[in-house]
Amino acid sequence: MADRIAEIQARAEAATKGPWFVERHQPTLTRRVVSDDHALDADLGYLGNSNQFDAEFIAHAREDIPFLLDELARVQAAADELLAERDAARREVAAMEEMAAFYSKQAAS
């Protein structure tokens, strides 16, 4: 999964800077996804109403993907921290169990 995340991150970093937005060409009903500086200008044509939703999805992807990658990194860091705490607690329990076994033997003798 780490490779896939790295590939997505690389594509996001290489893409035209945002924000992107949808332009609707009224006479032809086509949709275009463009960036503020028009460095990106993708004509999606007109394929019916689904094209409008596709254009919105594509336009929002420029900001949504980096947001989701950042959120994934935050959640992964939190999960790693919790796993480290769990492992430390397990080591502590094992040490206490050893100590309890030692004193139990001492009391029995």
PDB file of N, CA and C in Angstrom:
ATOM      1  N   MET A   1       0.819  -1.188   0.000  1.00  0.00           N
ATOM      2  CA  MET A   1       0.000   0.000   0.000  1.00  0.00           C
ATOM      3  C   MET A   1       0.868   1.258   0.000  1.00  0.00           C
ATOM      4  N   ALA A   2       2.011   1.201   0.652  1.00  0.00           N
ATOM      5  CA  ALA A   2       2.886   2.372   0.713  1.00  0.00           C
ATOM      6  C   ALA A   2       3.316   2.808  -0.686  1.00  0.00           C
ATOM      7  N   ASP A   3       3.563   1.837  -1.570  1.00  0.00           N
ATOM      8  CA  ASP A   3       3.943   2.178  -2.948  1.00  0.00           C
ATOM      9  C   ASP A   3       2.816   2.913  -3.653  1.00  0.00           C
ATOM     10  N   ARG A   4       1.604   2.446  -3.464  1.00  0.00           N
ATOM     11  CA  ARG A   4       0.445   3.080  -4.111  1.00  0.00           C
ATOM     12  C   ARG A   4       0.263   4.499  -3.591  1.00  0.00           C
ATOM     13  N   ILE A   5       0.404   4.685  -2.284  1.00  0.00           N
ATOM     14  CA  ILE A   5       0.286   6.019  -1.689  1.00  0.00           C
ATOM     15  C   ILE A   5       1.362   6.931  -2.262  1.00  0.00           C
ATOM     16  N   ALA A   6       2.586   6.425  -2.387  1.00  0.00           N
ATOM     17  CA  ALA A   6       3.682   7.221  -2.950  1.00  0.00           C
ATOM     18  C   ALA A   6       3.393   7.604  -4.396  1.00  0.00           C
ATOM     19  N   GLU A   7       2.814   6.684  -5.162  1.00  0.00           N
ATOM     20  CA  GLU A   7       2.463   6.988  -6.555  1.00  0.00           C
ATOM     21  C   GLU A   7       1.393   8.077  -6.623  1.00  0.00           C
ATOM     22  N   ILE A   8       0.388   7.980  -5.769  1.00  0.00           N
ATOM     23  CA  ILE A   8      -0.673   8.992  -5.733  1.00  0.00           C
ATOM     24  C   ILE A   8      -0.092  10.341  -5.327  1.00  0.00           C
ATOM     25  N   GLN A   9       0.774  10.334  -4.318  1.00  0.00           N
ATOM     26  CA  GLN A   9       1.420  11.570  -3.856  1.00  0.00           C
ATOM     27  C   GLN A   9       2.220  12.202  -4.989  1.00  0.00           C
ATOM     28  N   ALA A  10       2.969  11.397  -5.724  1.00  0.00           N
ATOM     29  CA  ALA A  10       3.780  11.918  -6.831  1.00  0.00           C
ATOM     30  C   ALA A  10       2.895  12.534  -7.911  1.00  0.00           C
ATOM     31  N   ARG A  11       1.781  11.875  -8.236  1.00  0.00           N
ATOM     32  CA  ARG A  11       0.873  12.439  -9.240  1.00  0.00           C
ATOM     33  C   ARG A  11       0.273  13.754  -8.753  1.00  0.00           C
ATOM     34  N   ALA A  12      -0.088  13.810  -7.481  1.00  0.00           N
ATOM     35  CA  ALA A  12      -0.670  15.035  -6.926  1.00  0.00           C
ATOM     36  C   ALA A  12       0.335  16.181  -6.967  1.00  0.00           C
ATOM     37  N   GLU A  13       1.585  15.879  -6.649  1.00  0.00           N
ATOM     38  CA  GLU A  13       2.616  16.922  -6.655  1.00  0.00           C
ATOM     39  C   GLU A  13       2.953  17.384  -8.069  1.00  0.00           C
ATOM     40  N   ALA A  14       2.836  16.487  -9.048  1.00  0.00           N
ATOM     41  CA  ALA A  14       3.174  16.830 -10.433  1.00  0.00           C
ATOM     42  C   ALA A  14       2.040  17.557 -11.157  1.00  0.00           C
ATOM     43  N   ALA A  15       0.838  17.463 -10.634  1.00  0.00           N
ATOM     44  CA  ALA A  15      -0.326  18.058 -11.308  1.00  0.00           C
ATOM     45  C   ALA A  15      -0.264  19.584 -11.269  1.00  0.00           C
ATOM     46  N   THR A  16      -0.961  20.200 -12.201  1.00  0.00           N
ATOM     47  CA  THR A  16      -1.078  21.658 -12.236  1.00  0.00           C
ATOM     48  C   THR A  16      -1.621  22.146 -10.901  1.00  0.00           C
ATOM     49  N   LYS A  17      -1.029  23.211 -10.396  1.00  0.00           N
ATOM     50  CA  LYS A  17      -1.451  23.758  -9.111  1.00  0.00           C
ATOM     51  C   LYS A  17      -2.901  24.206  -9.187  1.00  0.00           C
ATOM     52  N   GLY A  18      -3.577  24.152  -8.069  1.00  0.00           N
ATOM     53  CA  GLY A  18      -4.992  24.520  -8.000  1.00  0.00           C
ATOM     54  C   GLY A  18      -5.167  25.918  -7.460  1.00  0.00           C
ATOM     55  N   PRO A  19      -6.375  26.298  -7.168  1.00  0.00           N
ATOM     56  CA  PRO A  19      -7.540  25.428  -7.280  1.00  0.00           C
ATOM     57  C   PRO A  19      -8.010  25.277  -8.724  1.00  0.00           C
ATOM     58  N   TRP A  20      -8.747  24.205  -8.939  1.00  0.00           N
ATOM     59  CA  TRP A  20      -9.369  23.978 -10.238  1.00  0.00           C
ATOM     60  C   TRP A  20     -10.858  24.244 -10.095  1.00  0.00           C
ATOM     61  N   PHE A  21     -11.495  24.595 -11.172  1.00  0.00           N
ATOM     62  CA  PHE A  21     -12.937  24.811 -11.133  1.00  0.00           C
ATOM     63  C   PHE A  21     -13.546  24.423 -12.469  1.00  0.00           C
ATOM     64  N   VAL A  22     -14.860  24.347 -12.488  1.00  0.00           N
ATOM     65  CA  VAL A  22     -15.587  23.931 -13.688  1.00  0.00           C
ATOM     66  C   VAL A  22     -16.131  25.165 -14.388  1.00  0.00           C
ATOM     67  N   GLU A  23     -15.883  25.244 -15.683  1.00  0.00           N
ATOM     68  CA  GLU A  23     -16.511  26.269 -16.519  1.00  0.00           C
ATOM     69  C   GLU A  23     -17.577  25.581 -17.351  1.00  0.00           C
ATOM     70  N   ARG A  24     -18.725  26.187 -17.399  1.00  0.00           N
ATOM     71  CA  ARG A  24     -19.822  25.644 -18.200  1.00  0.00           C
ATOM     72  C   ARG A  24     -20.011  26.523 -19.425  1.00  0.00           C
ATOM     73  N   HIS A  25     -19.829  25.942 -20.572  1.00  0.00           N
ATOM     74  CA  HIS A  25     -20.016  26.684 -21.822  1.00  0.00           C
ATOM     75  C   HIS A  25     -21.484  26.543 -22.206  1.00  0.00           C
ATOM     76  N   GLN A  26     -22.251  27.587 -22.001  1.00  0.00           N
ATOM     77  CA  GLN A  26     -23.703  27.509 -22.157  1.00  0.00           C
ATOM     78  C   GLN A  26     -24.184  27.123 -23.560  1.00  0.00           C
ATOM     79  N   PRO A  27     -23.639  27.707 -24.624  1.00  0.00           N
ATOM     80  CA  PRO A  27     -24.191  27.355 -25.943  1.00  0.00           C
ATOM     81  C   PRO A  27     -24.063  25.871 -26.289  1.00  0.00           C
ATOM     82  N   THR A  28     -22.955  25.231 -25.890  1.00  0.00           N
ATOM     83  CA  THR A  28     -22.754  23.821 -26.263  1.00  0.00           C
ATOM     84  C   THR A  28     -23.001  22.864 -25.104  1.00  0.00           C
ATOM     85  N   LEU A  29     -23.190  23.407 -23.898  1.00  0.00           N
ATOM     86  CA  LEU A  29     -23.385  22.606 -22.684  1.00  0.00           C
ATOM     87  C   LEU A  29     -22.171  21.746 -22.339  1.00  0.00           C
ATOM     88  N   THR A  30     -21.011  22.076 -22.875  1.00  0.00           N
ATOM     89  CA  THR A  30     -19.802  21.320 -22.531  1.00  0.00           C
ATOM     90  C   THR A  30     -19.277  21.779 -21.178  1.00  0.00           C
ATOM     91  N   ARG A  31     -18.442  20.949 -20.583  1.00  0.00           N
ATOM     92  CA  ARG A  31     -17.816  21.275 -19.302  1.00  0.00           C
ATOM     93  C   ARG A  31     -16.308  21.270 -19.492  1.00  0.00           C
ATOM     94  N   ARG A  32     -15.663  22.239 -18.855  1.00  0.00           N
ATOM     95  CA  ARG A  32     -14.207  22.331 -18.876  1.00  0.00           C
ATOM     96  C   ARG A  32     -13.734  22.426 -17.433  1.00  0.00           C
ATOM     97  N   VAL A  33     -12.648  21.736 -17.141  1.00  0.00           N
ATOM     98  CA  VAL A  33     -11.996  21.882 -15.842  1.00  0.00           C
ATOM     99  C   VAL A  33     -10.771  22.744 -16.092  1.00  0.00           C
ATOM    100  N   VAL A  34     -10.691  23.861 -15.369  1.00  0.00           N
ATOM    101  CA  VAL A  34      -9.594  24.809 -15.582  1.00  0.00           C
ATOM    102  C   VAL A  34      -8.999  25.216 -14.241  1.00  0.00           C
ATOM    103  N   SER A  35      -7.744  25.656 -14.297  1.00  0.00           N
ATOM    104  CA  SER A  35      -7.095  26.201 -13.111  1.00  0.00           C
ATOM    105  C   SER A  35      -7.203  27.718 -13.176  1.00  0.00           C
ATOM    106  N   ASP A  36      -6.923  28.375 -12.054  1.00  0.00           N
ATOM    107  CA  ASP A  36      -7.021  29.837 -12.004  1.00  0.00           C
ATOM    108  C   ASP A  36      -6.223  30.512 -13.105  1.00  0.00           C
ATOM    109  N   ASP A  37      -5.024  30.005 -13.373  1.00  0.00           N
ATOM    110  CA  ASP A  37      -4.160  30.626 -14.384  1.00  0.00           C
ATOM    111  C   ASP A  37      -4.357  30.021 -15.773  1.00  0.00           C
ATOM    112  N   HIS A  38      -5.318  29.136 -15.895  1.00  0.00           N
ATOM    113  CA  HIS A  38      -5.639  28.437 -17.147  1.00  0.00           C
ATOM    114  C   HIS A  38      -4.478  27.586 -17.672  1.00  0.00           C
ATOM    115  N   ALA A  39      -3.531  27.243 -16.775  1.00  0.00           N
ATOM    116  CA  ALA A  39      -2.479  26.301 -17.169  1.00  0.00           C
ATOM    117  C   ALA A  39      -3.106  24.933 -17.413  1.00  0.00           C
ATOM    118  N   LEU A  40      -4.192  24.680 -16.718  1.00  0.00           N
ATOM    119  CA  LEU A  40      -4.968  23.461 -16.954  1.00  0.00           C
ATOM    120  C   LEU A  40      -6.252  23.875 -17.650  1.00  0.00           C
ATOM    121  N   ASP A  41      -6.563  23.215 -18.754  1.00  0.00           N
ATOM    122  CA  ASP A  41      -7.810  23.474 -19.475  1.00  0.00           C
ATOM    123  C   ASP A  41      -8.227  22.169 -20.128  1.00  0.00           C
ATOM    124  N   ALA A  42      -9.050  21.403 -19.416  1.00  0.00           N
ATOM    125  CA  ALA A  42      -9.474  20.091 -19.905  1.00  0.00           C
ATOM    126  C   ALA A  42     -10.932  20.168 -20.344  1.00  0.00           C
ATOM    127  N   ASP A  43     -11.170  19.958 -21.626  1.00  0.00           N
ATOM    128  CA  ASP A  43     -12.522  19.990 -22.180  1.00  0.00           C
ATOM    129  C   ASP A  43     -13.122  18.595 -22.072  1.00  0.00           C
ATOM    130  N   LEU A  44     -14.184  18.468 -21.291  1.00  0.00           N
ATOM    131  CA  LEU A  44     -14.832  17.175 -21.102  1.00  0.00           C
ATOM    132  C   LEU A  44     -15.972  16.951 -22.084  1.00  0.00           C
ATOM    133  N   GLY A  45     -16.227  17.927 -22.934  1.00  0.00           N
ATOM    134  CA  GLY A  45     -17.294  17.766 -23.917  1.00  0.00           C
ATOM    135  C   GLY A  45     -18.649  17.705 -23.255  1.00  0.00           C
ATOM    136  N   TYR A  46     -19.612  17.105 -23.933  1.00  0.00           N
ATOM    137  CA  TYR A  46     -20.940  16.936 -23.359  1.00  0.00           C
ATOM    138  C   TYR A  46     -21.381  15.505 -23.556  1.00  0.00           C
ATOM    139  N   LEU A  47     -21.571  14.821 -22.466  1.00  0.00           N
ATOM    140  CA  LEU A  47     -22.000  13.424 -22.515  1.00  0.00           C
ATOM    141  C   LEU A  47     -23.275  13.233 -21.712  1.00  0.00           C
ATOM    142  N   GLY A  48     -24.025  14.274 -21.543  1.00  0.00           N
ATOM    143  CA  GLY A  48     -25.213  14.201 -20.704  1.00  0.00           C
ATOM    144  C   GLY A  48     -24.891  14.734 -19.325  1.00  0.00           C
ATOM    145  N   ASN A  49     -25.820  14.559 -18.408  1.00  0.00           N
ATOM    146  CA  ASN A  49     -25.657  15.132 -17.074  1.00  0.00           C
ATOM    147  C   ASN A  49     -24.507  14.526 -16.285  1.00  0.00           C
ATOM    148  N   SER A  50     -24.120  13.283 -16.586  1.00  0.00           N
ATOM    149  CA  SER A  50     -23.018  12.668 -15.840  1.00  0.00           C
ATOM    150  C   SER A  50     -21.733  13.462 -16.024  1.00  0.00           C
ATOM    151  N   ASN A  51     -21.589  14.099 -17.162  1.00  0.00           N
ATOM    152  CA  ASN A  51     -20.408  14.899 -17.443  1.00  0.00           C
ATOM    153  C   ASN A  51     -20.264  16.041 -16.443  1.00  0.00           C
ATOM    154  N   GLN A  52     -21.359  16.613 -16.012  1.00  0.00           N
ATOM    155  CA  GLN A  52     -21.325  17.691 -15.026  1.00  0.00           C
ATOM    156  C   GLN A  52     -20.743  17.166 -13.718  1.00  0.00           C
ATOM    157  N   PHE A  53     -21.181  15.999 -13.295  1.00  0.00           N
ATOM    158  CA  PHE A  53     -20.695  15.425 -12.042  1.00  0.00           C
ATOM    159  C   PHE A  53     -19.234  14.994 -12.161  1.00  0.00           C
ATOM    160  N   ASP A  54     -18.847  14.468 -13.311  1.00  0.00           N
ATOM    161  CA  ASP A  54     -17.449  14.099 -13.541  1.00  0.00           C
ATOM    162  C   ASP A  54     -16.562  15.333 -13.469  1.00  0.00           C
ATOM    163  N   ALA A  55     -17.005  16.414 -14.087  1.00  0.00           N
ATOM    164  CA  ALA A  55     -16.225  17.654 -14.080  1.00  0.00           C
ATOM    165  C   ALA A  55     -16.049  18.166 -12.657  1.00  0.00           C
ATOM    166  N   GLU A  56     -17.103  18.140 -11.863  1.00  0.00           N
ATOM    167  CA  GLU A  56     -17.014  18.579 -10.467  1.00  0.00           C
ATOM    168  C   GLU A  56     -16.045  17.687  -9.687  1.00  0.00           C
ATOM    169  N   PHE A  57     -16.128  16.379  -9.920  1.00  0.00           N
ATOM    170  CA  PHE A  57     -15.241  15.442  -9.239  1.00  0.00           C
ATOM    171  C   PHE A  57     -13.782  15.732  -9.588  1.00  0.00           C
ATOM    172  N   ILE A  58     -13.511  15.904 -10.874  1.00  0.00           N
ATOM    173  CA  ILE A  58     -12.142  16.171 -11.329  1.00  0.00           C
ATOM    174  C   ILE A  58     -11.640  17.489 -10.760  1.00  0.00           C
ATOM    175  N   ALA A  59     -12.471  18.521 -10.822  1.00  0.00           N
ATOM    176  CA  ALA A  59     -12.062  19.834 -10.324  1.00  0.00           C
ATOM    177  C   ALA A  59     -11.749  19.783  -8.828  1.00  0.00           C
ATOM    178  N   HIS A  60     -12.560  19.091  -8.059  1.00  0.00           N
ATOM    179  CA  HIS A  60     -12.329  19.015  -6.616  1.00  0.00           C
ATOM    180  C   HIS A  60     -11.178  18.083  -6.252  1.00  0.00           C
ATOM    181  N   ALA A  61     -10.828  17.171  -7.139  1.00  0.00           N
ATOM    182  CA  ALA A  61      -9.746  16.222  -6.852  1.00  0.00           C
ATOM    183  C   ALA A  61      -8.436  16.941  -6.557  1.00  0.00           C
ATOM    184  N   ARG A  62      -8.215  18.097  -7.173  1.00  0.00           N
ATOM    185  CA  ARG A  62      -6.954  18.825  -6.984  1.00  0.00           C
ATOM    186  C   ARG A  62      -6.731  19.177  -5.526  1.00  0.00           C
ATOM    187  N   GLU A  63      -7.787  19.497  -4.819  1.00  0.00           N
ATOM    188  CA  GLU A  63      -7.663  19.820  -3.398  1.00  0.00           C
ATOM    189  C   GLU A  63      -8.034  18.628  -2.511  1.00  0.00           C
ATOM    190  N   ASP A  64      -8.941  17.782  -2.986  1.00  0.00           N
ATOM    191  CA  ASP A  64      -9.379  16.638  -2.179  1.00  0.00           C
ATOM    192  C   ASP A  64      -8.278  15.602  -1.992  1.00  0.00           C
ATOM    193  N   ILE A  65      -7.532  15.294  -3.044  1.00  0.00           N
ATOM    194  CA  ILE A  65      -6.497  14.250  -2.951  1.00  0.00           C
ATOM    195  C   ILE A  65      -5.399  14.647  -1.961  1.00  0.00           C
ATOM    196  N   PRO A  66      -4.815  15.854  -2.060  1.00  0.00           N
ATOM    197  CA  PRO A  66      -3.815  16.224  -1.053  1.00  0.00           C
ATOM    198  C   PRO A  66      -4.384  16.232   0.374  1.00  0.00           C
ATOM    199  N   PHE A  67      -5.635  16.684   0.527  1.00  0.00           N
ATOM    200  CA  PHE A  67      -6.265  16.660   1.848  1.00  0.00           C
ATOM    201  C   PHE A  67      -6.341  15.231   2.374  1.00  0.00           C
ATOM    202  N   LEU A  68      -6.809  14.313   1.536  1.00  0.00           N
ATOM    203  CA  LEU A  68      -6.937  12.919   1.958  1.00  0.00           C
ATOM    204  C   LEU A  68      -5.578  12.288   2.253  1.00  0.00           C
ATOM    205  N   LEU A  69      -4.558  12.629   1.465  1.00  0.00           N
ATOM    206  CA  LEU A  69      -3.213  12.108   1.731  1.00  0.00           C
ATOM    207  C   LEU A  69      -2.695  12.616   3.074  1.00  0.00           C
ATOM    208  N   ASP A  70      -2.920  13.901   3.367  1.00  0.00           N
ATOM    209  CA  ASP A  70      -2.508  14.454   4.658  1.00  0.00           C
ATOM    210  C   ASP A  70      -3.258  13.780   5.802  1.00  0.00           C
ATOM    211  N   GLU A  71      -4.555  13.573   5.615  1.00  0.00           N
ATOM    212  CA  GLU A  71      -5.361  12.924   6.648  1.00  0.00           C
ATOM    213  C   GLU A  71      -4.904  11.478   6.857  1.00  0.00           C
ATOM    214  N   LEU A  72      -4.600  10.788   5.774  1.00  0.00           N
ATOM    215  CA  LEU A  72      -4.097   9.419   5.872  1.00  0.00           C
ATOM    216  C   LEU A  72      -2.787   9.386   6.657  1.00  0.00           C
ATOM    217  N   ALA A  73      -1.899  10.323   6.381  1.00  0.00           N
ATOM    218  CA  ALA A  73      -0.622  10.381   7.103  1.00  0.00           C
ATOM    219  C   ALA A  73      -0.851  10.650   8.587  1.00  0.00           C
ATOM    220  N   ARG A  74      -1.799  11.544   8.904  1.00  0.00           N
ATOM    221  CA  ARG A  74      -2.102  11.855  10.299  1.00  0.00           C
ATOM    222  C   ARG A  74      -2.658  10.623  11.015  1.00  0.00           C
ATOM    223  N   VAL A  75      -3.581   9.931  10.374  1.00  0.00           N
ATOM    224  CA  VAL A  75      -4.184   8.741  10.977  1.00  0.00           C
ATOM    225  C   VAL A  75      -3.145   7.632  11.124  1.00  0.00           C
ATOM    226  N   GLN A  76      -2.277   7.474  10.127  1.00  0.00           N
ATOM    227  CA  GLN A  76      -1.232   6.449  10.211  1.00  0.00           C
ATOM    228  C   GLN A  76      -0.272   6.746  11.355  1.00  0.00           C
ATOM    229  N   ALA A  77       0.080   8.026  11.529  1.00  0.00           N
ATOM    230  CA  ALA A  77       0.968   8.401  12.633  1.00  0.00           C
ATOM    231  C   ALA A  77       0.305   8.106  13.977  1.00  0.00           C
ATOM    232  N   ALA A  78      -0.986   8.400  14.090  1.00  0.00           N
ATOM    233  CA  ALA A  78      -1.715   8.111  15.329  1.00  0.00           C
ATOM    234  C   ALA A  78      -1.774   6.607  15.575  1.00  0.00           C
ATOM    235  N   ALA A  79      -2.013   5.834  14.522  1.00  0.00           N
ATOM    236  CA  ALA A  79      -2.049   4.372  14.651  1.00  0.00           C
ATOM    237  C   ALA A  79      -0.686   3.838  15.076  1.00  0.00           C
ATOM    238  N   ASP A  80       0.382   4.363  14.481  1.00  0.00           N
ATOM    239  CA  ASP A  80       1.735   3.931  14.852  1.00  0.00           C
ATOM    240  C   ASP A  80       2.017   4.228  16.323  1.00  0.00           C
ATOM    241  N   GLU A  81       1.575   5.399  16.783  1.00  0.00           N
ATOM    242  CA  GLU A  81       1.776   5.774  18.180  1.00  0.00           C
ATOM    243  C   GLU A  81       1.008   4.828  19.112  1.00  0.00           C
ATOM    244  N   LEU A  82      -0.226   4.517  18.739  1.00  0.00           N
ATOM    245  CA  LEU A  82      -1.019   3.588  19.552  1.00  0.00           C
ATOM    246  C   LEU A  82      -0.409   2.190  19.569  1.00  0.00           C
ATOM    247  N   LEU A  83       0.107   1.743  18.441  1.00  0.00           N
ATOM    248  CA  LEU A  83       0.760   0.431  18.393  1.00  0.00           C
ATOM    249  C   LEU A  83       2.005   0.412  19.276  1.00  0.00           C
ATOM    250  N   ALA A  84       2.762   1.502  19.269  1.00  0.00           N
ATOM    251  CA  ALA A  84       3.953   1.583  20.120  1.00  0.00           C
ATOM    252  C   ALA A  84       3.554   1.551  21.594  1.00  0.00           C
ATOM    253  N   GLU A  85       2.478   2.260  21.946  1.00  0.00           N
ATOM    254  CA  GLU A  85       1.997   2.244  23.332  1.00  0.00           C
ATOM    255  C   GLU A  85       1.528   0.843  23.721  1.00  0.00           C
ATOM    256  N   ARG A  86       0.831   0.159  22.804  1.00  0.00           N
ATOM    257  CA  ARG A  86       0.379  -1.207  23.067  1.00  0.00           C
ATOM    258  C   ARG A  86       1.570  -2.127  23.310  1.00  0.00           C
ATOM    259  N   ASP A  87       2.585  -2.013  22.462  1.00  0.00           N
ATOM    260  CA  ASP A  87       3.764  -2.865  22.603  1.00  0.00           C
ATOM    261  C   ASP A  87       4.476  -2.604  23.929  1.00  0.00           C
ATOM    262  N   ALA A  88       4.559  -1.330  24.321  1.00  0.00           N
ATOM    263  CA  ALA A  88       5.186  -0.991  25.603  1.00  0.00           C
ATOM    264  C   ALA A  88       4.371  -1.569  26.759  1.00  0.00           C
ATOM    265  N   ALA A  89       3.053  -1.485  26.663  1.00  0.00           N
ATOM    266  CA  ALA A  89       2.190  -2.037  27.715  1.00  0.00           C
ATOM    267  C   ALA A  89       2.346  -3.553  27.795  1.00  0.00           C
ATOM    268  N   ARG A  90       2.458  -4.217  26.656  1.00  0.00           N
ATOM    269  CA  ARG A  90       2.659  -5.674  26.660  1.00  0.00           C
ATOM    270  C   ARG A  90       3.976  -6.046  27.334  1.00  0.00           C
ATOM    271  N   ARG A  91       5.024  -5.267  27.058  1.00  0.00           N
ATOM    272  CA  ARG A  91       6.318  -5.538  27.698  1.00  0.00           C
ATOM    273  C   ARG A  91       6.216  -5.341  29.215  1.00  0.00           C
ATOM    274  N   GLU A  92       5.497  -4.308  29.612  1.00  0.00           N
ATOM    275  CA  GLU A  92       5.327  -4.036  31.039  1.00  0.00           C
ATOM    276  C   GLU A  92       4.539  -5.160  31.720  1.00  0.00           C
ATOM    277  N   VAL A  93       3.495  -5.633  31.073  1.00  0.00           N
ATOM    278  CA  VAL A  93       2.701  -6.743  31.616  1.00  0.00           C
ATOM    279  C   VAL A  93       3.565  -7.995  31.726  1.00  0.00           C
ATOM    280  N   ALA A  94       4.356  -8.276  30.707  1.00  0.00           N
ATOM    281  CA  ALA A  94       5.225  -9.460  30.741  1.00  0.00           C
ATOM    282  C   ALA A  94       6.217  -9.368  31.896  1.00  0.00           C
ATOM    283  N   ALA A  95       6.781  -8.175  32.117  1.00  0.00           N
ATOM    284  CA  ALA A  95       7.725  -7.994  33.227  1.00  0.00           C
ATOM    285  C   ALA A  95       7.024  -8.197  34.563  1.00  0.00           C
ATOM    286  N   MET A  96       5.808  -7.687  34.696  1.00  0.00           N
ATOM    287  CA  MET A  96       5.052  -7.858  35.943  1.00  0.00           C
ATOM    288  C   MET A  96       4.681  -9.322  36.167  1.00  0.00           C
ATOM    289  N   GLU A  97       4.341 -10.022  35.089  1.00  0.00           N
ATOM    290  CA  GLU A  97       4.025 -11.453  35.212  1.00  0.00           C
ATOM    291  C   GLU A  97       5.246 -12.239  35.669  1.00  0.00           C
ATOM    292  N   GLU A  98       6.415 -11.881  35.131  1.00  0.00           N
ATOM    293  CA  GLU A  98       7.662 -12.534  35.571  1.00  0.00           C
ATOM    294  C   GLU A  98       7.902 -12.277  37.048  1.00  0.00           C
ATOM    295  N   MET A  99       7.699 -11.027  37.453  1.00  0.00           N
ATOM    296  CA  MET A  99       7.905 -10.662  38.847  1.00  0.00           C
ATOM    297  C   MET A  99       6.912 -11.406  39.743  1.00  0.00           C
ATOM    298  N   ALA A 100       5.665 -11.499  39.322  1.00  0.00           N
ATOM    299  CA  ALA A 100       4.642 -12.210  40.103  1.00  0.00           C
ATOM    300  C   ALA A 100       4.999 -13.687  40.223  1.00  0.00           C
ATOM    301  N   ALA A 101       5.486 -14.277  39.142  1.00  0.00           N
ATOM    302  CA  ALA A 101       5.885 -15.689  39.174  1.00  0.00           C
ATOM    303  C   ALA A 101       7.059 -15.887  40.126  1.00  0.00           C
ATOM    304  N   PHE A 102       8.020 -14.961  40.102  1.00  0.00           N
ATOM    305  CA  PHE A 102       9.185 -15.038  40.989  1.00  0.00           C
ATOM    306  C   PHE A 102       8.746 -14.996  42.449  1.00  0.00           C
ATOM    307  N   TYR A 103       7.905 -14.013  42.803  1.00  0.00           N
ATOM    308  CA  TYR A 103       7.474 -13.876  44.193  1.00  0.00           C
ATOM    309  C   TYR A 103       6.549 -15.013  44.611  1.00  0.00           C
ATOM    310  N   SER A 104       5.804 -15.541  43.674  1.00  0.00           N
ATOM    311  CA  SER A 104       4.948 -16.689  43.972  1.00  0.00           C
ATOM    312  C   SER A 104       5.804 -17.896  44.345  1.00  0.00           C
ATOM    313  N   LYS A 105       6.918 -18.095  43.614  1.00  0.00           N
ATOM    314  CA  LYS A 105       7.857 -19.183  43.933  1.00  0.00           C
ATOM    315  C   LYS A 105       8.500 -18.950  45.291  1.00  0.00           C
ATOM    316  N   GLN A 106       8.874 -17.699  45.548  1.00  0.00           N
ATOM    317  CA  GLN A 106       9.511 -17.359  46.824  1.00  0.00           C
ATOM    318  C   GLN A 106       8.566 -17.648  47.987  1.00  0.00           C
ATOM    319  N   ALA A 107       7.309 -17.315  47.814  1.00  0.00           N
ATOM    320  CA  ALA A 107       6.325 -17.520  48.885  1.00  0.00           C
ATOM    321  C   ALA A 107       6.063 -19.004  49.109  1.00  0.00           C
ATOM    322  N   ALA A 108       6.145 -19.793  48.052  1.00  0.00           N
ATOM    323  CA  ALA A 108       5.876 -21.234  48.156  1.00  0.00           C
ATOM    324  C   ALA A 108       7.031 -21.976  48.818  1.00  0.00           C
ATOM    325  N   SER A 109       8.242 -21.411  48.805  1.00  0.00           N
ATOM    326  CA  SER A 109       9.371 -22.149  49.365  1.00  0.00           C
ATOM    327  C   SER A 109       9.623 -21.828  50.810  1.00  0.00           C
TER     328      SER A 109
END
